[in-house]
Amino acid sequence: MTTTTVAPSTIDDAHAAKNGELHRRYLRAMIDDPDGSYDVPNGALLVLLPDDGDEAFAASEVEIGLLHLRRGRNVYFRHVSLADLPEVPSVDPPRFVRRTRYNPDGSVAAEETAGPDGTWVPAERSEEEGR
């Protein structure tokens, strides 16, 4: 007897970005209203299905959820109304904000912070940091 598993459709960057934003907004709603009806079973994969009419997105999310369900994972499907979710700005946090470069003997060669253009500039230490 053979078992066939349906593989999820290819997820492109736009799909991943939409999914990420949807989850950020849902999480913000949970934080803003902890007494709301946002119960998600502990350890479950949360699959959000928005009411925006994007059938291809919803079908792909259901497909992914079912794939995980077949693999024995607890999956929680939730239909959400976008009008009920708060807007959350999408901000990519900087990968590094401060770094320390060392000399071969282990002494500090330089302390730098990320400048607004992504280049490293010498760090200024606060009085609490002691210099």
Protein backbone atom coordinates (compact mmCIF):
# COMPACT_ATOMS: atom_id res chain seq x y z
CA MET A 1 0.00 0.00 0.00
CA THR A 2 1.38 3.42 -0.90
CA THR A 3 0.60 6.75 0.68
CA THR A 4 0.45 9.95 -1.30
CA THR A 5 1.18 13.25 0.36
CA VAL A 6 0.10 16.46 -1.30
CA ALA A 7 2.96 18.91 -1.38
CA PRO A 8 2.12 22.56 -0.74
CA SER A 9 2.15 24.94 -3.67
CA THR A 10 5.25 26.98 -4.18
CA ILE A 11 5.28 29.87 -1.73
CA ASP A 12 6.68 33.06 -3.24
CA ASP A 13 7.96 36.16 -1.44
CA ALA A 14 4.63 37.98 -1.75
CA HIS A 15 2.78 35.05 -0.16
CA ALA A 16 5.32 34.83 2.67
CA ALA A 17 5.13 38.59 3.26
CA LYS A 18 1.32 38.51 3.37
CA ASN A 19 1.38 35.58 5.79
CA GLY A 20 3.90 37.36 8.02
CA GLU A 21 1.86 40.56 8.10
CA LEU A 22 -1.33 38.65 8.83
CA HIS A 23 0.31 36.89 11.78
CA ARG A 24 1.82 40.18 13.09
CA ARG A 25 -1.61 41.80 13.02
CA TYR A 26 -3.25 38.79 14.71
CA LEU A 27 -0.57 38.76 17.42
CA ARG A 28 -1.03 42.51 17.97
CA ALA A 29 -4.79 41.93 18.40
CA MET A 30 -4.03 39.21 20.97
CA ILE A 31 -1.70 41.53 22.90
CA ASP A 32 -4.09 44.49 22.74
CA ASP A 33 -7.07 42.42 23.96
CA PRO A 34 -5.83 39.50 26.09
CA ASP A 35 -9.43 38.67 27.09
CA GLY A 36 -10.51 38.36 23.44
CA SER A 37 -11.39 35.09 21.78
CA TYR A 38 -7.89 34.39 20.47
CA ASP A 39 -7.36 31.02 22.13
CA VAL A 40 -4.82 29.03 20.16
CA PRO A 41 -4.01 25.56 21.46
CA ASN A 42 -0.54 25.35 22.94
CA GLY A 43 1.95 24.05 20.38
CA ALA A 44 -0.48 24.25 17.46
CA LEU A 45 0.41 25.53 14.03
CA LEU A 46 -1.75 28.62 13.49
CA VAL A 47 -3.18 28.94 9.98
CA LEU A 48 -4.93 32.25 9.41
CA LEU A 49 -7.47 32.57 6.61
CA PRO A 50 -8.30 36.22 5.86
CA ASP A 51 -11.58 37.49 4.46
CA ASP A 52 -9.90 39.46 1.66
CA GLY A 53 -11.14 37.25 -1.19
CA ASP A 54 -7.66 35.96 -2.12
CA GLU A 55 -8.74 32.38 -2.81
CA ALA A 56 -5.28 31.27 -4.00
CA PHE A 57 -3.71 32.42 -0.72
CA ALA A 58 -6.39 30.74 1.38
CA ALA A 59 -6.18 27.49 -0.61
CA SER A 60 -2.42 27.39 -0.21
CA GLU A 61 -2.66 28.00 3.54
CA VAL A 62 -5.26 25.24 3.92
CA GLU A 63 -3.04 22.92 1.89
CA ILE A 64 -0.06 23.65 4.14
CA GLY A 65 -2.18 23.16 7.27
CA LEU A 66 -3.51 19.82 6.02
CA LEU A 67 0.02 18.67 5.18
CA HIS A 68 1.08 19.33 8.78
CA LEU A 69 -2.11 17.71 10.08
CA ARG A 70 -1.36 14.53 8.11
CA ARG A 71 2.10 14.52 9.68
CA GLY A 72 0.52 14.41 13.14
CA ARG A 73 0.88 18.08 14.07
CA ASN A 74 -1.85 19.94 15.90
CA VAL A 75 -3.17 22.60 13.48
CA TYR A 76 -5.51 25.45 14.34
CA PHE A 77 -7.33 27.06 11.39
CA ARG A 78 -8.77 30.51 12.07
CA HIS A 79 -10.86 32.69 9.76
CA VAL A 80 -10.07 36.35 10.44
CA SER A 81 -11.68 39.59 9.40
CA LEU A 82 -8.99 42.04 8.33
CA ALA A 83 -11.19 44.93 9.48
CA ASP A 84 -10.97 43.59 13.05
CA LEU A 85 -7.18 43.36 13.08
CA PRO A 86 -5.03 46.39 13.93
CA GLU A 87 -2.59 47.78 11.39
CA VAL A 88 0.99 46.99 12.35
CA PRO A 89 3.87 48.69 10.60
CA SER A 90 6.25 46.28 8.95
CA VAL A 91 9.69 47.13 10.23
CA ASP A 92 12.74 45.03 9.58
CA PRO A 93 14.93 45.23 12.68
CA PRO A 94 18.60 45.91 12.04
CA ARG A 95 20.68 42.76 11.98
CA PHE A 96 23.44 44.36 14.02
CA VAL A 97 23.32 47.61 15.90
CA ARG A 98 26.66 47.41 17.70
CA ARG A 99 29.82 45.38 17.26
CA THR A 100 33.21 45.08 18.93
CA ARG A 101 36.35 44.33 16.93
CA TYR A 102 39.30 42.79 18.76
CA ASN A 103 43.06 42.88 18.30
CA PRO A 104 44.97 39.57 18.02
CA ASP A 105 45.97 39.90 21.71
CA GLY A 106 42.30 40.08 22.76
CA SER A 107 42.19 43.78 23.53
CA VAL A 108 39.41 45.88 22.06
CA ALA A 109 40.38 47.44 18.74
CA ALA A 110 37.15 49.33 18.11
CA GLU A 111 33.54 49.53 19.11
CA GLU A 112 31.21 50.50 16.32
CA THR A 113 27.53 51.06 15.69
CA ALA A 114 25.55 50.71 12.49
CA GLY A 115 25.08 54.06 10.81
CA PRO A 116 21.84 55.00 9.04
CA ASP A 117 23.37 54.08 5.67
CA GLY A 118 24.47 50.65 6.87
CA THR A 119 28.13 51.52 7.36
CA TRP A 120 29.90 51.07 10.68
CA VAL A 121 30.85 54.22 12.62
CA PRO A 122 32.80 54.57 15.88
CA ALA A 123 30.55 54.07 18.89
CA GLU A 124 30.21 56.66 21.57
CA ARG A 125 30.02 55.22 25.05
CA SER A 126 27.56 56.52 27.59
CA GLU A 127 28.64 57.51 31.10
CA GLU A 128 27.09 54.28 32.41
CA GLU A 129 29.35 52.26 30.11
CA GLY A 130 32.39 53.97 31.62
CA ARG A 131 34.43 55.88 29.11
